[in-house]
């Protein structure tokens, strides 16, 4: 059994939390802020390559220059977007 790709999970998690499209820089900022661990010498290049793979796997959709969102068909697998704390119902 293949182990899950940590990069794929972290990328999809940032997009799920955002609830919409993010630019590559925003995805990376969120991954860094969440403490994502990696051994890549060039993490931004690795991120770009993993995003391109996710697009080819039809898990992400390119929606603008350097901007991506979770593919509608893949949303059910990653879960609903997280509501920002200011919008959480009490």
PDB file of N, CA and C in Angstrom:
ATOM      1  N   UNK A   1       0.844  -1.186   0.000  1.00  0.00           N
ATOM      2  CA  UNK A   1       0.000   0.000   0.000  1.00  0.00           C
ATOM      3  C   UNK A   1       0.891   1.251   0.000  1.00  0.00           C
ATOM      4  N   UNK A   2       0.594   2.175  -0.887  1.00  0.00           N
ATOM      5  CA  UNK A   2       1.363   3.408  -0.951  1.00  0.00           C
ATOM      6  C   UNK A   2       1.008   4.332   0.193  1.00  0.00           C
ATOM      7  N   UNK A   3       2.019   4.971   0.739  1.00  0.00           N
ATOM      8  CA  UNK A   3       1.722   5.955   1.783  1.00  0.00           C
ATOM      9  C   UNK A   3       1.318   7.261   1.114  1.00  0.00           C
ATOM     10  N   UNK A   4       0.463   8.028   1.752  1.00  0.00           N
ATOM     11  CA  UNK A   4      -0.012   9.273   1.151  1.00  0.00           C
ATOM     12  C   UNK A   4       1.134  10.283   0.994  1.00  0.00           C
ATOM     13  N   UNK A   5       1.067  11.099  -0.041  1.00  0.00           N
ATOM     14  CA  UNK A   5       2.059  12.137  -0.276  1.00  0.00           C
ATOM     15  C   UNK A   5       1.776  13.304   0.665  1.00  0.00           C
ATOM     16  N   UNK A   6       2.745  13.628   1.524  1.00  0.00           N
ATOM     17  CA  UNK A   6       2.561  14.705   2.506  1.00  0.00           C
ATOM     18  C   UNK A   6       2.338  16.058   1.828  1.00  0.00           C
ATOM     19  N   UNK A   7       3.008  16.273   0.708  1.00  0.00           N
ATOM     20  CA  UNK A   7       2.830  17.533  -0.012  1.00  0.00           C
ATOM     21  C   UNK A   7       1.403  17.665  -0.514  1.00  0.00           C
ATOM     22  N   UNK A   8       0.870  16.600  -1.112  1.00  0.00           N
ATOM     23  CA  UNK A   8      -0.502  16.643  -1.623  1.00  0.00           C
ATOM     24  C   UNK A   8      -1.476  16.992  -0.500  1.00  0.00           C
ATOM     25  N   UNK A   9      -1.323  16.310   0.627  1.00  0.00           N
ATOM     26  CA  UNK A   9      -2.221  16.553   1.757  1.00  0.00           C
ATOM     27  C   UNK A   9      -2.137  17.969   2.272  1.00  0.00           C
ATOM     28  N   UNK A  10      -0.917  18.504   2.380  1.00  0.00           N
ATOM     29  CA  UNK A  10      -0.738  19.863   2.893  1.00  0.00           C
ATOM     30  C   UNK A  10      -1.303  20.912   1.927  1.00  0.00           C
ATOM     31  N   UNK A  11      -1.104  20.696   0.637  1.00  0.00           N
ATOM     32  CA  UNK A  11      -1.636  21.628  -0.362  1.00  0.00           C
ATOM     33  C   UNK A  11      -3.162  21.644  -0.312  1.00  0.00           C
ATOM     34  N   UNK A  12      -3.750  20.462  -0.334  1.00  0.00           N
ATOM     35  CA  UNK A  12      -5.218  20.366  -0.301  1.00  0.00           C
ATOM     36  C   UNK A  12      -5.781  20.918   1.003  1.00  0.00           C
ATOM     37  N   UNK A  13      -5.065  20.717   2.101  1.00  0.00           N
ATOM     38  CA  UNK A  13      -5.521  21.242   3.391  1.00  0.00           C
ATOM     39  C   UNK A  13      -5.563  22.768   3.372  1.00  0.00           C
ATOM     40  N   UNK A  14      -4.552  23.411   2.808  1.00  0.00           N
ATOM     41  CA  UNK A  14      -4.551  24.877   2.737  1.00  0.00           C
ATOM     42  C   UNK A  14      -5.709  25.387   1.882  1.00  0.00           C
ATOM     43  N   UNK A  15      -5.968  24.717   0.781  1.00  0.00           N
ATOM     44  CA  UNK A  15      -7.088  25.126  -0.078  1.00  0.00           C
ATOM     45  C   UNK A  15      -8.432  24.852   0.591  1.00  0.00           C
ATOM     46  N   UNK A  16      -8.521  23.758   1.332  1.00  0.00           N
ATOM     47  CA  UNK A  16      -9.761  23.451   2.055  1.00  0.00           C
ATOM     48  C   UNK A  16     -10.019  24.502   3.126  1.00  0.00           C
ATOM     49  N   UNK A  17      -8.991  24.861   3.869  1.00  0.00           N
ATOM     50  CA  UNK A  17      -9.137  25.874   4.916  1.00  0.00           C
ATOM     51  C   UNK A  17      -9.562  27.207   4.314  1.00  0.00           C
ATOM     52  N   UNK A  18      -8.959  27.565   3.172  1.00  0.00           N
ATOM     53  CA  UNK A  18      -9.281  28.842   2.525  1.00  0.00           C
ATOM     54  C   UNK A  18     -10.707  28.862   1.988  1.00  0.00           C
ATOM     55  N   UNK A  19     -11.193  27.697   1.572  1.00  0.00           N
ATOM     56  CA  UNK A  19     -12.549  27.632   1.032  1.00  0.00           C
ATOM     57  C   UNK A  19     -12.676  28.209  -0.368  1.00  0.00           C
ATOM     58  N   UNK A  20     -11.562  28.439  -1.025  1.00  0.00           N
ATOM     59  CA  UNK A  20     -11.577  28.983  -2.374  1.00  0.00           C
ATOM     60  C   UNK A  20     -10.180  28.998  -2.949  1.00  0.00           C
ATOM     61  N   UNK A  21     -10.011  29.641  -4.085  1.00  0.00           N
ATOM     62  CA  UNK A  21      -8.714  29.636  -4.760  1.00  0.00           C
ATOM     63  C   UNK A  21      -7.634  30.359  -3.960  1.00  0.00           C
ATOM     64  N   UNK A  22      -6.404  29.884  -4.118  1.00  0.00           N
ATOM     65  CA  UNK A  22      -5.239  30.538  -3.535  1.00  0.00           C
ATOM     66  C   UNK A  22      -4.120  30.571  -4.565  1.00  0.00           C
ATOM     67  N   UNK A  23      -3.293  31.601  -4.464  1.00  0.00           N
ATOM     68  CA  UNK A  23      -2.085  31.679  -5.272  1.00  0.00           C
ATOM     69  C   UNK A  23      -1.031  30.767  -4.641  1.00  0.00           C
ATOM     70  N   UNK A  24      -0.065  30.346  -5.436  1.00  0.00           N
ATOM     71  CA  UNK A  24       1.007  29.484  -4.950  1.00  0.00           C
ATOM     72  C   UNK A  24       1.672  30.085  -3.714  1.00  0.00           C
ATOM     73  N   UNK A  25       1.944  31.396  -3.735  1.00  0.00           N
ATOM     74  CA  UNK A  25       2.586  32.053  -2.586  1.00  0.00           C
ATOM     75  C   UNK A  25       1.728  31.920  -1.334  1.00  0.00           C
ATOM     76  N   UNK A  26       0.411  32.017  -1.489  1.00  0.00           N
ATOM     77  CA  UNK A  26      -0.492  31.893  -0.347  1.00  0.00           C
ATOM     78  C   UNK A  26      -0.521  30.458   0.181  1.00  0.00           C
ATOM     79  N   UNK A  27      -0.497  29.503  -0.731  1.00  0.00           N
ATOM     80  CA  UNK A  27      -0.474  28.097  -0.316  1.00  0.00           C
ATOM     81  C   UNK A  27       0.792  27.846   0.496  1.00  0.00           C
ATOM     82  N   UNK A  28       1.938  28.306  -0.013  1.00  0.00           N
ATOM     83  CA  UNK A  28       3.197  28.085   0.687  1.00  0.00           C
ATOM     84  C   UNK A  28       3.215  28.801   2.037  1.00  0.00           C
ATOM     85  N   UNK A  29       2.713  30.024   2.097  1.00  0.00           N
ATOM     86  CA  UNK A  29       2.674  30.759   3.370  1.00  0.00           C
ATOM     87  C   UNK A  29       1.863  29.996   4.411  1.00  0.00           C
ATOM     88  N   UNK A  30       0.747  29.434   3.991  1.00  0.00           N
ATOM     89  CA  UNK A  30      -0.083  28.645   4.914  1.00  0.00           C
ATOM     90  C   UNK A  30       0.609  27.366   5.359  1.00  0.00           C
ATOM     91  N   UNK A  31       1.304  26.721   4.433  1.00  0.00           N
ATOM     92  CA  UNK A  31       2.032  25.493   4.781  1.00  0.00           C
ATOM     93  C   UNK A  31       3.139  25.800   5.786  1.00  0.00           C
ATOM     94  N   UNK A  32       3.876  26.891   5.553  1.00  0.00           N
ATOM     95  CA  UNK A  32       4.937  27.287   6.491  1.00  0.00           C
ATOM     96  C   UNK A  32       4.357  27.621   7.863  1.00  0.00           C
ATOM     97  N   UNK A  33       3.277  28.390   7.861  1.00  0.00           N
ATOM     98  CA  UNK A  33       2.654  28.803   9.121  1.00  0.00           C
ATOM     99  C   UNK A  33       2.138  27.610   9.920  1.00  0.00           C
ATOM    100  N   UNK A  34       1.724  26.560   9.212  1.00  0.00           N
ATOM    101  CA  UNK A  34       1.192  25.387   9.910  1.00  0.00           C
ATOM    102  C   UNK A  34       2.307  24.441  10.352  1.00  0.00           C
ATOM    103  N   UNK A  35       3.561  24.787  10.024  1.00  0.00           N
ATOM    104  CA  UNK A  35       4.683  23.962  10.456  1.00  0.00           C
ATOM    105  C   UNK A  35       4.978  22.773   9.567  1.00  0.00           C
ATOM    106  N   UNK A  36       4.611  22.855   8.295  1.00  0.00           N
ATOM    107  CA  UNK A  36       4.842  21.748   7.368  1.00  0.00           C
ATOM    108  C   UNK A  36       6.323  21.378   7.343  1.00  0.00           C
ATOM    109  N   UNK A  37       6.618  20.102   7.559  1.00  0.00           N
ATOM    110  CA  UNK A  37       7.985  19.583   7.575  1.00  0.00           C
ATOM    111  C   UNK A  37       8.334  18.983   6.228  1.00  0.00           C
ATOM    112  N   UNK A  38       9.517  19.300   5.715  1.00  0.00           N
ATOM    113  CA  UNK A  38       9.959  18.762   4.432  1.00  0.00           C
ATOM    114  C   UNK A  38      11.475  18.676   4.437  1.00  0.00           C
ATOM    115  N   UNK A  39      12.017  17.968   3.470  1.00  0.00           N
ATOM    116  CA  UNK A  39      13.465  17.866   3.333  1.00  0.00           C
ATOM    117  C   UNK A  39      13.937  18.424   1.994  1.00  0.00           C
ATOM    118  N   UNK A  40      13.092  19.153   1.326  1.00  0.00           N
ATOM    119  CA  UNK A  40      13.414  19.707   0.011  1.00  0.00           C
ATOM    120  C   UNK A  40      14.409  20.858   0.131  1.00  0.00           C
ATOM    121  N   UNK A  41      15.383  20.885  -0.776  1.00  0.00           N
ATOM    122  CA  UNK A  41      16.321  22.009  -0.819  1.00  0.00           C
ATOM    123  C   UNK A  41      15.669  23.227  -1.466  1.00  0.00           C
ATOM    124  N   UNK A  42      14.698  22.995  -2.319  1.00  0.00           N
ATOM    125  CA  UNK A  42      13.980  24.063  -3.021  1.00  0.00           C
ATOM    126  C   UNK A  42      12.478  23.850  -2.842  1.00  0.00           C
ATOM    127  N   UNK A  43      11.947  24.173  -1.678  1.00  0.00           N
ATOM    128  CA  UNK A  43      10.540  23.867  -1.401  1.00  0.00           C
ATOM    129  C   UNK A  43       9.539  24.546  -2.319  1.00  0.00           C
ATOM    130  N   UNK A  44       9.820  25.765  -2.773  1.00  0.00           N
ATOM    131  CA  UNK A  44       8.864  26.433  -3.671  1.00  0.00           C
ATOM    132  C   UNK A  44       8.807  25.715  -5.012  1.00  0.00           C
ATOM    133  N   UNK A  45       9.943  25.209  -5.487  1.00  0.00           N
ATOM    134  CA  UNK A  45       9.956  24.442  -6.736  1.00  0.00           C
ATOM    135  C   UNK A  45       9.226  23.118  -6.548  1.00  0.00           C
ATOM    136  N   UNK A  46       9.452  22.483  -5.404  1.00  0.00           N
ATOM    137  CA  UNK A  46       8.760  21.226  -5.104  1.00  0.00           C
ATOM    138  C   UNK A  46       7.261  21.466  -5.029  1.00  0.00           C
ATOM    139  N   UNK A  47       6.860  22.564  -4.403  1.00  0.00           N
ATOM    140  CA  UNK A  47       5.441  22.903  -4.316  1.00  0.00           C
ATOM    141  C   UNK A  47       4.843  23.053  -5.714  1.00  0.00           C
ATOM    142  N   UNK A  48       5.536  23.773  -6.591  1.00  0.00           N
ATOM    143  CA  UNK A  48       5.039  23.951  -7.961  1.00  0.00           C
ATOM    144  C   UNK A  48       4.875  22.625  -8.682  1.00  0.00           C
ATOM    145  N   UNK A  49       5.835  21.731  -8.495  1.00  0.00           N
ATOM    146  CA  UNK A  49       5.755  20.413  -9.137  1.00  0.00           C
ATOM    147  C   UNK A  49       4.597  19.598  -8.580  1.00  0.00           C
ATOM    148  N   UNK A  50       4.391  19.626  -7.263  1.00  0.00           N
ATOM    149  CA  UNK A  50       3.284  18.869  -6.663  1.00  0.00           C
ATOM    150  C   UNK A  50       1.941  19.442  -7.080  1.00  0.00           C
ATOM    151  N   UNK A  51       1.826  20.769  -7.190  1.00  0.00           N
ATOM    152  CA  UNK A  51       0.578  21.378  -7.651  1.00  0.00           C
ATOM    153  C   UNK A  51       0.301  20.935  -9.089  1.00  0.00           C
ATOM    154  N   UNK A  52       1.328  20.951  -9.940  1.00  0.00           N
ATOM    155  CA  UNK A  52       1.147  20.508 -11.330  1.00  0.00           C
ATOM    156  C   UNK A  52       0.676  19.057 -11.388  1.00  0.00           C
ATOM    157  N   UNK A  53       1.222  18.209 -10.516  1.00  0.00           N
ATOM    158  CA  UNK A  53       0.784  16.808 -10.466  1.00  0.00           C
ATOM    159  C   UNK A  53      -0.676  16.707 -10.039  1.00  0.00           C
ATOM    160  N   UNK A  54      -1.067  17.513  -9.052  1.00  0.00           N
ATOM    161  CA  UNK A  54      -2.459  17.484  -8.588  1.00  0.00           C
ATOM    162  C   UNK A  54      -3.413  17.968  -9.678  1.00  0.00           C
ATOM    163  N   UNK A  55      -2.980  18.901 -10.500  1.00  0.00           N
ATOM    164  CA  UNK A  55      -3.804  19.351 -11.641  1.00  0.00           C
ATOM    165  C   UNK A  55      -3.956  18.200 -12.622  1.00  0.00           C
ATOM    166  N   UNK A  56      -2.860  17.500 -12.921  1.00  0.00           N
ATOM    167  CA  UNK A  56      -2.937  16.364 -13.850  1.00  0.00           C
ATOM    168  C   UNK A  56      -3.800  15.245 -13.299  1.00  0.00           C
ATOM    169  N   UNK A  57      -3.811  15.087 -11.968  1.00  0.00           N
ATOM    170  CA  UNK A  57      -4.652  14.065 -11.336  1.00  0.00           C
ATOM    171  C   UNK A  57      -6.107  14.520 -11.208  1.00  0.00           C
ATOM    172  N   UNK A  58      -6.381  15.745 -11.675  1.00  0.00           N
ATOM    173  CA  UNK A  58      -7.721  16.346 -11.637  1.00  0.00           C
ATOM    174  C   UNK A  58      -8.234  16.561 -10.216  1.00  0.00           C
ATOM    175  N   UNK A  59      -7.308  16.822  -9.294  1.00  0.00           N
ATOM    176  CA  UNK A  59      -7.675  17.141  -7.911  1.00  0.00           C
ATOM    177  C   UNK A  59      -7.673  18.642  -7.678  1.00  0.00           C
ATOM    178  N   UNK A  60      -6.916  19.368  -8.504  1.00  0.00           N
ATOM    179  CA  UNK A  60      -6.898  20.825  -8.459  1.00  0.00           C
ATOM    180  C   UNK A  60      -7.241  21.366  -9.836  1.00  0.00           C
ATOM    181  N   UNK A  61      -7.724  22.611  -9.847  1.00  0.00           N
ATOM    182  CA  UNK A  61      -8.062  23.301 -11.092  1.00  0.00           C
ATOM    183  C   UNK A  61      -7.294  24.618 -11.111  1.00  0.00           C
ATOM    184  N   UNK A  62      -6.670  24.914 -12.244  1.00  0.00           N
ATOM    185  CA  UNK A  62      -5.974  26.178 -12.453  1.00  0.00           C
ATOM    186  C   UNK A  62      -7.027  27.226 -12.777  1.00  0.00           C
ATOM    187  N   UNK A  63      -7.150  28.265 -11.952  1.00  0.00           N
ATOM    188  CA  UNK A  63      -8.219  29.250 -12.151  1.00  0.00           C
ATOM    189  C   UNK A  63      -7.715  30.648 -12.498  1.00  0.00           C
ATOM    190  N   UNK A  64      -6.407  30.829 -12.522  1.00  0.00           N
ATOM    191  CA  UNK A  64      -5.828  32.118 -12.853  1.00  0.00           C
ATOM    192  C   UNK A  64      -4.318  32.012 -12.803  1.00  0.00           C
ATOM    193  N   UNK A  65      -3.621  33.104 -13.095  1.00  0.00           N
ATOM    194  CA  UNK A  65      -2.164  33.054 -13.073  1.00  0.00           C
ATOM    195  C   UNK A  65      -1.627  32.620 -11.696  1.00  0.00           C
ATOM    196  N   UNK A  66      -1.026  31.448 -11.643  1.00  0.00           N
ATOM    197  CA  UNK A  66      -0.462  30.933 -10.393  1.00  0.00           C
ATOM    198  C   UNK A  66      -1.486  30.680  -9.308  1.00  0.00           C
ATOM    199  N   UNK A  67      -2.745  30.512  -9.678  1.00  0.00           N
ATOM    200  CA  UNK A  67      -3.840  30.374  -8.709  1.00  0.00           C
ATOM    201  C   UNK A  67      -4.609  29.086  -8.965  1.00  0.00           C
ATOM    202  N   UNK A  68      -4.921  28.377  -7.868  1.00  0.00           N
ATOM    203  CA  UNK A  68      -5.545  27.053  -7.971  1.00  0.00           C
ATOM    204  C   UNK A  68      -6.634  26.905  -6.919  1.00  0.00           C
ATOM    205  N   UNK A  69      -7.546  25.976  -7.205  1.00  0.00           N
ATOM    206  CA  UNK A  69      -8.568  25.610  -6.223  1.00  0.00           C
ATOM    207  C   UNK A  69      -8.806  24.114  -6.328  1.00  0.00           C
ATOM    208  N   UNK A  70      -9.442  23.570  -5.319  1.00  0.00           N
ATOM    209  CA  UNK A  70      -9.769  22.145  -5.320  1.00  0.00           C
ATOM    210  C   UNK A  70     -10.813  21.892  -6.397  1.00  0.00           C
ATOM    211  N   UNK A  71     -10.609  20.842  -7.176  1.00  0.00           N
ATOM    212  CA  UNK A  71     -11.552  20.482  -8.235  1.00  0.00           C
ATOM    213  C   UNK A  71     -12.894  20.105  -7.616  1.00  0.00           C
ATOM    214  N   UNK A  72     -13.994  20.550  -8.207  1.00  0.00           N
ATOM    215  CA  UNK A  72     -15.321  20.256  -7.654  1.00  0.00           C
ATOM    216  C   UNK A  72     -15.546  18.761  -7.401  1.00  0.00           C
ATOM    217  N   UNK A  73     -15.076  17.898  -8.291  1.00  0.00           N
ATOM    218  CA  UNK A  73     -15.270  16.450  -8.122  1.00  0.00           C
ATOM    219  C   UNK A  73     -14.464  15.879  -6.969  1.00  0.00           C
ATOM    220  N   UNK A  74     -13.443  16.599  -6.515  1.00  0.00           N
ATOM    221  CA  UNK A  74     -12.566  16.117  -5.444  1.00  0.00           C
ATOM    222  C   UNK A  74     -12.963  16.690  -4.081  1.00  0.00           C
ATOM    223  N   UNK A  75     -13.841  17.691  -4.058  1.00  0.00           N
ATOM    224  CA  UNK A  75     -14.239  18.339  -2.802  1.00  0.00           C
ATOM    225  C   UNK A  75     -14.781  17.359  -1.771  1.00  0.00           C
ATOM    226  N   UNK A  76     -15.560  16.377  -2.209  1.00  0.00           N
ATOM    227  CA  UNK A  76     -16.148  15.430  -1.257  1.00  0.00           C
ATOM    228  C   UNK A  76     -15.084  14.594  -0.553  1.00  0.00           C
ATOM    229  N   UNK A  77     -13.928  14.405  -1.189  1.00  0.00           N
ATOM    230  CA  UNK A  77     -12.859  13.622  -0.577  1.00  0.00           C
ATOM    231  C   UNK A  77     -12.063  14.404   0.457  1.00  0.00           C
ATOM    232  N   UNK A  78     -11.933  15.717   0.278  1.00  0.00           N
ATOM    233  CA  UNK A  78     -11.132  16.513   1.210  1.00  0.00           C
ATOM    234  C   UNK A  78     -11.974  17.169   2.296  1.00  0.00           C
ATOM    235  N   UNK A  79     -13.268  17.172   2.142  1.00  0.00           N
ATOM    236  CA  UNK A  79     -14.139  17.734   3.178  1.00  0.00           C
ATOM    237  C   UNK A  79     -14.542  19.163   2.871  1.00  0.00           C
ATOM    238  N   UNK A  80     -15.481  19.640   3.655  1.00  0.00           N
ATOM    239  CA  UNK A  80     -16.018  20.994   3.466  1.00  0.00           C
ATOM    240  C   UNK A  80     -14.999  22.022   3.909  1.00  0.00           C
ATOM    241  N   UNK A  81     -15.052  23.222   3.315  1.00  0.00           N
ATOM    242  CA  UNK A  81     -14.152  24.285   3.737  1.00  0.00           C
ATOM    243  C   UNK A  81     -14.392  24.651   5.200  1.00  0.00           C
ATOM    244  N   UNK A  82     -13.355  25.107   5.845  1.00  0.00           N
ATOM    245  CA  UNK A  82     -13.451  25.550   7.239  1.00  0.00           C
ATOM    246  C   UNK A  82     -13.972  26.968   7.229  1.00  0.00           C
ATOM    247  N   UNK A  83     -14.956  27.249   8.103  1.00  0.00           N
ATOM    248  CA  UNK A  83     -15.480  28.611   8.189  1.00  0.00           C
ATOM    249  C   UNK A  83     -14.498  29.467   8.978  1.00  0.00           C
ATOM    250  N   UNK A  84     -14.221  30.701   8.512  1.00  0.00           N
ATOM    251  CA  UNK A  84     -13.386  31.600   9.298  1.00  0.00           C
ATOM    252  C   UNK A  84     -14.028  31.819  10.665  1.00  0.00           C
ATOM    253  N   UNK A  85     -13.227  32.032  11.691  1.00  0.00           N
ATOM    254  CA  UNK A  85     -13.729  32.145  13.061  1.00  0.00           C
ATOM    255  C   UNK A  85     -14.756  33.241  13.231  1.00  0.00           C
ATOM    256  N   UNK A  86     -14.687  34.296  12.427  1.00  0.00           N
ATOM    257  CA  UNK A  86     -15.658  35.391  12.550  1.00  0.00           C
ATOM    258  C   UNK A  86     -17.040  34.991  12.047  1.00  0.00           C
ATOM    259  N   UNK A  87     -17.121  33.888  11.291  1.00  0.00           N
ATOM    260  CA  UNK A  87     -18.407  33.466  10.741  1.00  0.00           C
ATOM    261  C   UNK A  87     -18.962  32.217  11.405  1.00  0.00           C
ATOM    262  N   UNK A  88     -18.271  31.682  12.392  1.00  0.00           N
ATOM    263  CA  UNK A  88     -18.729  30.455  13.043  1.00  0.00           C
ATOM    264  C   UNK A  88     -19.991  30.749  13.838  1.00  0.00           C
ATOM    265  N   UNK A  89     -21.006  29.938  13.609  1.00  0.00           N
ATOM    266  CA  UNK A  89     -22.278  30.118  14.315  1.00  0.00           C
ATOM    267  C   UNK A  89     -22.121  29.695  15.777  1.00  0.00           C
ATOM    268  N   UNK A  90     -22.702  30.460  16.649  1.00  0.00           N
ATOM    269  CA  UNK A  90     -22.643  30.129  18.090  1.00  0.00           C
ATOM    270  C   UNK A  90     -23.834  29.350  18.521  1.00  0.00           C
TER     271      UNK A  90
END
